[in-house]
Amino acid sequence: MTYRRTTCRRLAVLLAAGLTPLALTAPAAQAATPAKPYDFNGDGKADLAIGAPAATVGGKKGAGAVSVVRTA
């Protein structure tokens, strides 16, 4: 290998290593406002979650389902 080709490869590796952390950083998550207890959909009213573990969903037996019902 020539000196120029080796230098180019080293420069490419260093550049890629330097830019990789910039590409992998995620923006800071913003916290959601806390919901009231038992308020699954955030409407300010208590909800009731009812599980059906053996329910058929989309033709798939035993897929399971959860129904959320707003209480009074």
PDB file of N, CA and C in Angstrom:
ATOM      1  N   MET A   1       0.823  -1.182   0.000  1.00  0.00           N
ATOM      2  CA  MET A   1       0.000   0.000   0.000  1.00  0.00           C
ATOM      3  C   MET A   1       0.867   1.244   0.000  1.00  0.00           C
ATOM      4  N   THR A   2       0.402   2.240  -0.651  1.00  0.00           N
ATOM      5  CA  THR A   2       1.170   3.480  -0.685  1.00  0.00           C
ATOM      6  C   THR A   2       0.871   4.297   0.558  1.00  0.00           C
ATOM      7  N   TYR A   3       1.751   5.248   0.798  1.00  0.00           N
ATOM      8  CA  TYR A   3       1.598   6.131   1.956  1.00  0.00           C
ATOM      9  C   TYR A   3       0.291   6.907   1.866  1.00  0.00           C
ATOM     10  N   ARG A   4      -0.045   7.376   0.675  1.00  0.00           N
ATOM     11  CA  ARG A   4      -1.253   8.181   0.491  1.00  0.00           C
ATOM     12  C   ARG A   4      -2.511   7.355   0.767  1.00  0.00           C
ATOM     13  N   ARG A   5      -2.558   6.126   0.268  1.00  0.00           N
ATOM     14  CA  ARG A   5      -3.728   5.259   0.472  1.00  0.00           C
ATOM     15  C   ARG A   5      -3.895   4.930   1.954  1.00  0.00           C
ATOM     16  N   THR A   6      -2.786   4.650   2.650  1.00  0.00           N
ATOM     17  CA  THR A   6      -2.835   4.335   4.080  1.00  0.00           C
ATOM     18  C   THR A   6      -3.332   5.546   4.861  1.00  0.00           C
ATOM     19  N   THR A   7      -2.844   6.713   4.522  1.00  0.00           N
ATOM     20  CA  THR A   7      -3.261   7.931   5.205  1.00  0.00           C
ATOM     21  C   THR A   7      -4.747   8.191   4.981  1.00  0.00           C
ATOM     22  N   CYS A   8      -5.230   7.979   3.780  1.00  0.00           N
ATOM     23  CA  CYS A   8      -6.646   8.170   3.467  1.00  0.00           C
ATOM     24  C   CYS A   8      -7.514   7.223   4.281  1.00  0.00           C
ATOM     25  N   ARG A   9      -7.104   5.982   4.383  1.00  0.00           N
ATOM     26  CA  ARG A   9      -7.887   5.008   5.154  1.00  0.00           C
ATOM     27  C   ARG A   9      -7.907   5.366   6.624  1.00  0.00           C
ATOM     28  N   ARG A  10      -6.777   5.767   7.155  1.00  0.00           N
ATOM     29  CA  ARG A  10      -6.719   6.160   8.569  1.00  0.00           C
ATOM     30  C   ARG A  10      -7.609   7.371   8.826  1.00  0.00           C
ATOM     31  N   LEU A  11      -7.579   8.317   7.940  1.00  0.00           N
ATOM     32  CA  LEU A  11      -8.411   9.505   8.078  1.00  0.00           C
ATOM     33  C   LEU A  11      -9.894   9.138   8.034  1.00  0.00           C
ATOM     34  N   ALA A  12     -10.272   8.230   7.132  1.00  0.00           N
ATOM     35  CA  ALA A  12     -11.666   7.798   7.025  1.00  0.00           C
ATOM     36  C   ALA A  12     -12.120   7.090   8.299  1.00  0.00           C
ATOM     37  N   VAL A  13     -11.259   6.245   8.852  1.00  0.00           N
ATOM     38  CA  VAL A  13     -11.604   5.525  10.086  1.00  0.00           C
ATOM     39  C   VAL A  13     -11.759   6.504  11.242  1.00  0.00           C
ATOM     40  N   LEU A  14     -10.842   7.441  11.362  1.00  0.00           N
ATOM     41  CA  LEU A  14     -10.921   8.426  12.440  1.00  0.00           C
ATOM     42  C   LEU A  14     -12.160   9.312  12.302  1.00  0.00           C
ATOM     43  N   LEU A  15     -12.475   9.715  11.087  1.00  0.00           N
ATOM     44  CA  LEU A  15     -13.645  10.541  10.852  1.00  0.00           C
ATOM     45  C   LEU A  15     -14.925   9.776  11.202  1.00  0.00           C
ATOM     46  N   ALA A  16     -15.019   8.528  10.785  1.00  0.00           N
ATOM     47  CA  ALA A  16     -16.194   7.714  11.091  1.00  0.00           C
ATOM     48  C   ALA A  16     -16.324   7.496  12.599  1.00  0.00           C
ATOM     49  N   ALA A  17     -15.215   7.238  13.267  1.00  0.00           N
ATOM     50  CA  ALA A  17     -15.244   7.031  14.715  1.00  0.00           C
ATOM     51  C   ALA A  17     -15.644   8.306  15.446  1.00  0.00           C
ATOM     52  N   GLY A  18     -15.253   9.437  14.927  1.00  0.00           N
ATOM     53  CA  GLY A  18     -15.594  10.705  15.560  1.00  0.00           C
ATOM     54  C   GLY A  18     -17.041  11.100  15.353  1.00  0.00           C
ATOM     55  N   LEU A  19     -17.626  10.739  14.213  1.00  0.00           N
ATOM     56  CA  LEU A  19     -19.006  11.131  13.916  1.00  0.00           C
ATOM     57  C   LEU A  19     -20.042  10.139  14.420  1.00  0.00           C
ATOM     58  N   THR A  20     -19.641   8.903  14.690  1.00  0.00           N
ATOM     59  CA  THR A  20     -20.593   7.881  15.129  1.00  0.00           C
ATOM     60  C   THR A  20     -21.348   8.282  16.391  1.00  0.00           C
ATOM     61  N   PRO A  21     -20.691   8.795  17.445  1.00  0.00           N
ATOM     62  CA  PRO A  21     -21.463   9.181  18.634  1.00  0.00           C
ATOM     63  C   PRO A  21     -22.508  10.268  18.334  1.00  0.00           C
ATOM     64  N   LEU A  22     -22.232  11.143  17.391  1.00  0.00           N
ATOM     65  CA  LEU A  22     -23.197  12.189  17.058  1.00  0.00           C
ATOM     66  C   LEU A  22     -24.441  11.600  16.408  1.00  0.00           C
ATOM     67  N   ALA A  23     -24.277  10.564  15.625  1.00  0.00           N
ATOM     68  CA  ALA A  23     -25.411   9.948  14.940  1.00  0.00           C
ATOM     69  C   ALA A  23     -26.227   9.072  15.874  1.00  0.00           C
ATOM     70  N   LEU A  24     -25.625   8.554  16.937  1.00  0.00           N
ATOM     71  CA  LEU A  24     -26.314   7.632  17.826  1.00  0.00           C
ATOM     72  C   LEU A  24     -26.988   8.309  19.010  1.00  0.00           C
ATOM     73  N   THR A  25     -26.770   9.580  19.217  1.00  0.00           N
ATOM     74  CA  THR A  25     -27.397  10.241  20.355  1.00  0.00           C
ATOM     75  C   THR A  25     -28.855  10.543  20.042  1.00  0.00           C
ATOM     76  N   ALA A  26     -29.702  10.291  21.007  1.00  0.00           N
ATOM     77  CA  ALA A  26     -31.141  10.533  20.857  1.00  0.00           C
ATOM     78  C   ALA A  26     -31.506  11.830  21.578  1.00  0.00           C
ATOM     79  N   PRO A  27     -32.526  12.518  21.097  1.00  0.00           N
ATOM     80  CA  PRO A  27     -32.943  13.724  21.801  1.00  0.00           C
ATOM     81  C   PRO A  27     -33.489  13.373  23.184  1.00  0.00           C
ATOM     82  N   ALA A  28     -33.380  14.291  24.097  1.00  0.00           N
ATOM     83  CA  ALA A  28     -33.851  14.056  25.454  1.00  0.00           C
ATOM     84  C   ALA A  28     -35.360  13.846  25.458  1.00  0.00           C
ATOM     85  N   ALA A  29     -35.797  12.851  26.201  1.00  0.00           N
ATOM     86  CA  ALA A  29     -37.227  12.562  26.300  1.00  0.00           C
ATOM     87  C   ALA A  29     -37.888  13.589  27.209  1.00  0.00           C
ATOM     88  N   GLN A  30     -39.077  13.955  26.866  1.00  0.00           N
ATOM     89  CA  GLN A  30     -39.811  14.892  27.700  1.00  0.00           C
ATOM     90  C   GLN A  30     -40.820  14.111  28.518  1.00  0.00           C
ATOM     91  N   ALA A  31     -40.875  14.408  29.792  1.00  0.00           N
ATOM     92  CA  ALA A  31     -41.787  13.693  30.673  1.00  0.00           C
ATOM     93  C   ALA A  31     -43.219  14.158  30.428  1.00  0.00           C
ATOM     94  N   ALA A  32     -44.121  13.204  30.389  1.00  0.00           N
ATOM     95  CA  ALA A  32     -45.546  13.519  30.250  1.00  0.00           C
ATOM     96  C   ALA A  32     -46.092  13.932  31.606  1.00  0.00           C
ATOM     97  N   THR A  33     -47.145  14.691  31.582  1.00  0.00           N
ATOM     98  CA  THR A  33     -47.763  15.064  32.852  1.00  0.00           C
ATOM     99  C   THR A  33     -48.366  13.807  33.472  1.00  0.00           C
ATOM    100  N   PRO A  34     -48.179  13.626  34.758  1.00  0.00           N
ATOM    101  CA  PRO A  34     -48.678  12.404  35.385  1.00  0.00           C
ATOM    102  C   PRO A  34     -50.205  12.353  35.360  1.00  0.00           C
ATOM    103  N   ALA A  35     -50.730  11.178  35.078  1.00  0.00           N
ATOM    104  CA  ALA A  35     -52.184  10.990  35.058  1.00  0.00           C
ATOM    105  C   ALA A  35     -52.680  10.710  36.467  1.00  0.00           C
ATOM    106  N   LYS A  36     -53.952  10.939  36.675  1.00  0.00           N
ATOM    107  CA  LYS A  36     -54.546  10.606  37.959  1.00  0.00           C
ATOM    108  C   LYS A  36     -54.567   9.086  38.103  1.00  0.00           C
ATOM    109  N   PRO A  37     -54.612   8.586  39.334  1.00  0.00           N
ATOM    110  CA  PRO A  37     -54.661   7.133  39.512  1.00  0.00           C
ATOM    111  C   PRO A  37     -55.849   6.520  38.775  1.00  0.00           C
ATOM    112  N   TYR A  38     -55.616   5.427  38.115  1.00  0.00           N
ATOM    113  CA  TYR A  38     -56.624   4.665  37.369  1.00  0.00           C
ATOM    114  C   TYR A  38     -57.160   5.418  36.152  1.00  0.00           C
ATOM    115  N   ASP A  39     -56.427   6.403  35.682  1.00  0.00           N
ATOM    116  CA  ASP A  39     -56.851   7.166  34.500  1.00  0.00           C
ATOM    117  C   ASP A  39     -55.966   6.739  33.333  1.00  0.00           C
ATOM    118  N   PHE A  40     -56.400   5.716  32.586  1.00  0.00           N
ATOM    119  CA  PHE A  40     -55.584   5.144  31.522  1.00  0.00           C
ATOM    120  C   PHE A  40     -55.497   6.018  30.277  1.00  0.00           C
ATOM    121  N   ASN A  41     -56.537   6.772  29.976  1.00  0.00           N
ATOM    122  CA  ASN A  41     -56.533   7.554  28.741  1.00  0.00           C
ATOM    123  C   ASN A  41     -56.295   9.041  28.968  1.00  0.00           C
ATOM    124  N   GLY A  42     -56.062   9.463  30.202  1.00  0.00           N
ATOM    125  CA  GLY A  42     -55.695  10.842  30.481  1.00  0.00           C
ATOM    126  C   GLY A  42     -56.829  11.842  30.385  1.00  0.00           C
ATOM    127  N   ASP A  43     -58.090  11.410  30.492  1.00  0.00           N
ATOM    128  CA  ASP A  43     -59.208  12.353  30.393  1.00  0.00           C
ATOM    129  C   ASP A  43     -59.636  12.914  31.743  1.00  0.00           C
ATOM    130  N   GLY A  44     -58.927  12.534  32.811  1.00  0.00           N
ATOM    131  CA  GLY A  44     -59.240  13.068  34.131  1.00  0.00           C
ATOM    132  C   GLY A  44     -60.263  12.249  34.893  1.00  0.00           C
ATOM    133  N   LYS A  45     -60.782  11.210  34.303  1.00  0.00           N
ATOM    134  CA  LYS A  45     -61.773  10.366  34.969  1.00  0.00           C
ATOM    135  C   LYS A  45     -61.198   8.962  35.140  1.00  0.00           C
ATOM    136  N   ALA A  46     -61.607   8.300  36.228  1.00  0.00           N
ATOM    137  CA  ALA A  46     -61.101   6.957  36.512  1.00  0.00           C
ATOM    138  C   ALA A  46     -61.603   5.969  35.467  1.00  0.00           C
ATOM    139  N   ASP A  47     -60.753   5.030  35.094  1.00  0.00           N
ATOM    140  CA  ASP A  47     -61.099   4.001  34.122  1.00  0.00           C
ATOM    141  C   ASP A  47     -60.936   2.628  34.759  1.00  0.00           C
ATOM    142  N   LEU A  48     -61.572   1.649  34.165  1.00  0.00           N
ATOM    143  CA  LEU A  48     -61.466   0.274  34.614  1.00  0.00           C
ATOM    144  C   LEU A  48     -60.919  -0.558  33.463  1.00  0.00           C
ATOM    145  N   ALA A  49     -59.815  -1.262  33.689  1.00  0.00           N
ATOM    146  CA  ALA A  49     -59.231  -2.128  32.663  1.00  0.00           C
ATOM    147  C   ALA A  49     -59.661  -3.567  32.945  1.00  0.00           C
ATOM    148  N   ILE A  50     -60.220  -4.219  31.921  1.00  0.00           N
ATOM    149  CA  ILE A  50     -60.694  -5.589  32.054  1.00  0.00           C
ATOM    150  C   ILE A  50     -59.907  -6.457  31.082  1.00  0.00           C
ATOM    151  N   GLY A  51     -59.216  -7.458  31.610  1.00  0.00           N
ATOM    152  CA  GLY A  51     -58.400  -8.330  30.778  1.00  0.00           C
ATOM    153  C   GLY A  51     -59.151  -9.578  30.358  1.00  0.00           C
ATOM    154  N   ALA A  52     -58.916 -10.006  29.135  1.00  0.00           N
ATOM    155  CA  ALA A  52     -59.465 -11.257  28.614  1.00  0.00           C
ATOM    156  C   ALA A  52     -58.313 -12.022  27.970  1.00  0.00           C
ATOM    157  N   PRO A  53     -57.544 -12.777  28.769  1.00  0.00           N
ATOM    158  CA  PRO A  53     -56.328 -13.406  28.261  1.00  0.00           C
ATOM    159  C   PRO A  53     -56.543 -14.443  27.159  1.00  0.00           C
ATOM    160  N   ALA A  54     -57.718 -15.037  27.077  1.00  0.00           N
ATOM    161  CA  ALA A  54     -57.944 -16.072  26.069  1.00  0.00           C
ATOM    162  C   ALA A  54     -58.770 -15.564  24.888  1.00  0.00           C
ATOM    163  N   ALA A  55     -58.954 -14.256  24.780  1.00  0.00           N
ATOM    164  CA  ALA A  55     -59.792 -13.694  23.716  1.00  0.00           C
ATOM    165  C   ALA A  55     -59.183 -13.928  22.341  1.00  0.00           C
ATOM    166  N   THR A  56     -60.061 -14.061  21.346  1.00  0.00           N
ATOM    167  CA  THR A  56     -59.633 -14.180  19.954  1.00  0.00           C
ATOM    168  C   THR A  56     -59.608 -12.785  19.347  1.00  0.00           C
ATOM    169  N   VAL A  57     -58.472 -12.404  18.791  1.00  0.00           N
ATOM    170  CA  VAL A  57     -58.309 -11.072  18.199  1.00  0.00           C
ATOM    171  C   VAL A  57     -57.792 -11.236  16.780  1.00  0.00           C
ATOM    172  N   GLY A  58     -58.515 -10.679  15.818  1.00  0.00           N
ATOM    173  CA  GLY A  58     -58.092 -10.766  14.423  1.00  0.00           C
ATOM    174  C   GLY A  58     -57.972 -12.196  13.929  1.00  0.00           C
ATOM    175  N   GLY A  59     -58.810 -13.097  14.448  1.00  0.00           N
ATOM    176  CA  GLY A  59     -58.763 -14.494  14.037  1.00  0.00           C
ATOM    177  C   GLY A  59     -57.697 -15.313  14.748  1.00  0.00           C
ATOM    178  N   LYS A  60     -56.923 -14.711  15.637  1.00  0.00           N
ATOM    179  CA  LYS A  60     -55.868 -15.420  16.377  1.00  0.00           C
ATOM    180  C   LYS A  60     -56.414 -15.846  17.732  1.00  0.00           C
ATOM    181  N   LYS A  61     -56.620 -17.141  17.915  1.00  0.00           N
ATOM    182  CA  LYS A  61     -57.129 -17.654  19.182  1.00  0.00           C
ATOM    183  C   LYS A  61     -56.094 -17.488  20.283  1.00  0.00           C
ATOM    184  N   GLY A  62     -56.571 -17.087  21.457  1.00  0.00           N
ATOM    185  CA  GLY A  62     -55.697 -16.945  22.619  1.00  0.00           C
ATOM    186  C   GLY A  62     -54.774 -15.738  22.558  1.00  0.00           C
ATOM    187  N   ALA A  63     -55.055 -14.785  21.669  1.00  0.00           N
ATOM    188  CA  ALA A  63     -54.198 -13.598  21.559  1.00  0.00           C
ATOM    189  C   ALA A  63     -54.315 -12.716  22.788  1.00  0.00           C
ATOM    190  N   GLY A  64     -55.517 -12.664  23.370  1.00  0.00           N
ATOM    191  CA  GLY A  64     -55.736 -11.837  24.553  1.00  0.00           C
ATOM    192  C   GLY A  64     -56.132 -10.431  24.174  1.00  0.00           C
ATOM    193  N   ALA A  65     -56.872  -9.815  25.076  1.00  0.00           N
ATOM    194  CA  ALA A  65     -57.337  -8.447  24.835  1.00  0.00           C
ATOM    195  C   ALA A  65     -57.530  -7.739  26.165  1.00  0.00           C
ATOM    196  N   VAL A  66     -57.498  -6.424  26.103  1.00  0.00           N
ATOM    197  CA  VAL A  66     -57.781  -5.595  27.271  1.00  0.00           C
ATOM    198  C   VAL A  66     -58.803  -4.560  26.843  1.00  0.00           C
ATOM    199  N   SER A  67     -59.869  -4.446  27.632  1.00  0.00           N
ATOM    200  CA  SER A  67     -60.880  -3.423  27.381  1.00  0.00           C
ATOM    201  C   SER A  67     -60.787  -2.394  28.497  1.00  0.00           C
ATOM    202  N   VAL A  68     -60.802  -1.114  28.131  1.00  0.00           N
ATOM    203  CA  VAL A  68     -60.759  -0.049  29.124  1.00  0.00           C
ATOM    204  C   VAL A  68     -62.097   0.672  29.077  1.00  0.00           C
ATOM    205  N   VAL A  69     -62.766   0.748  30.233  1.00  0.00           N
ATOM    206  CA  VAL A  69     -64.093   1.351  30.335  1.00  0.00           C
ATOM    207  C   VAL A  69     -64.022   2.508  31.321  1.00  0.00           C
ATOM    208  N   ARG A  70     -64.601   3.650  30.934  1.00  0.00           N
ATOM    209  CA  ARG A  70     -64.633   4.804  31.829  1.00  0.00           C
ATOM    210  C   ARG A  70     -65.707   4.575  32.871  1.00  0.00           C
ATOM    211  N   THR A  71     -65.351   4.799  34.125  1.00  0.00           N
ATOM    212  CA  THR A  71     -66.326   4.668  35.210  1.00  0.00           C
ATOM    213  C   THR A  71     -67.032   5.999  35.394  1.00  0.00           C
ATOM    214  N   ALA A  72     -68.101   5.983  36.135  1.00  0.00           N
ATOM    215  CA  ALA A  72     -68.908   7.191  36.344  1.00  0.00           C
ATOM    216  C   ALA A  72     -68.191   8.291  37.016  1.00  0.00           C
TER     217      ALA A  72
END
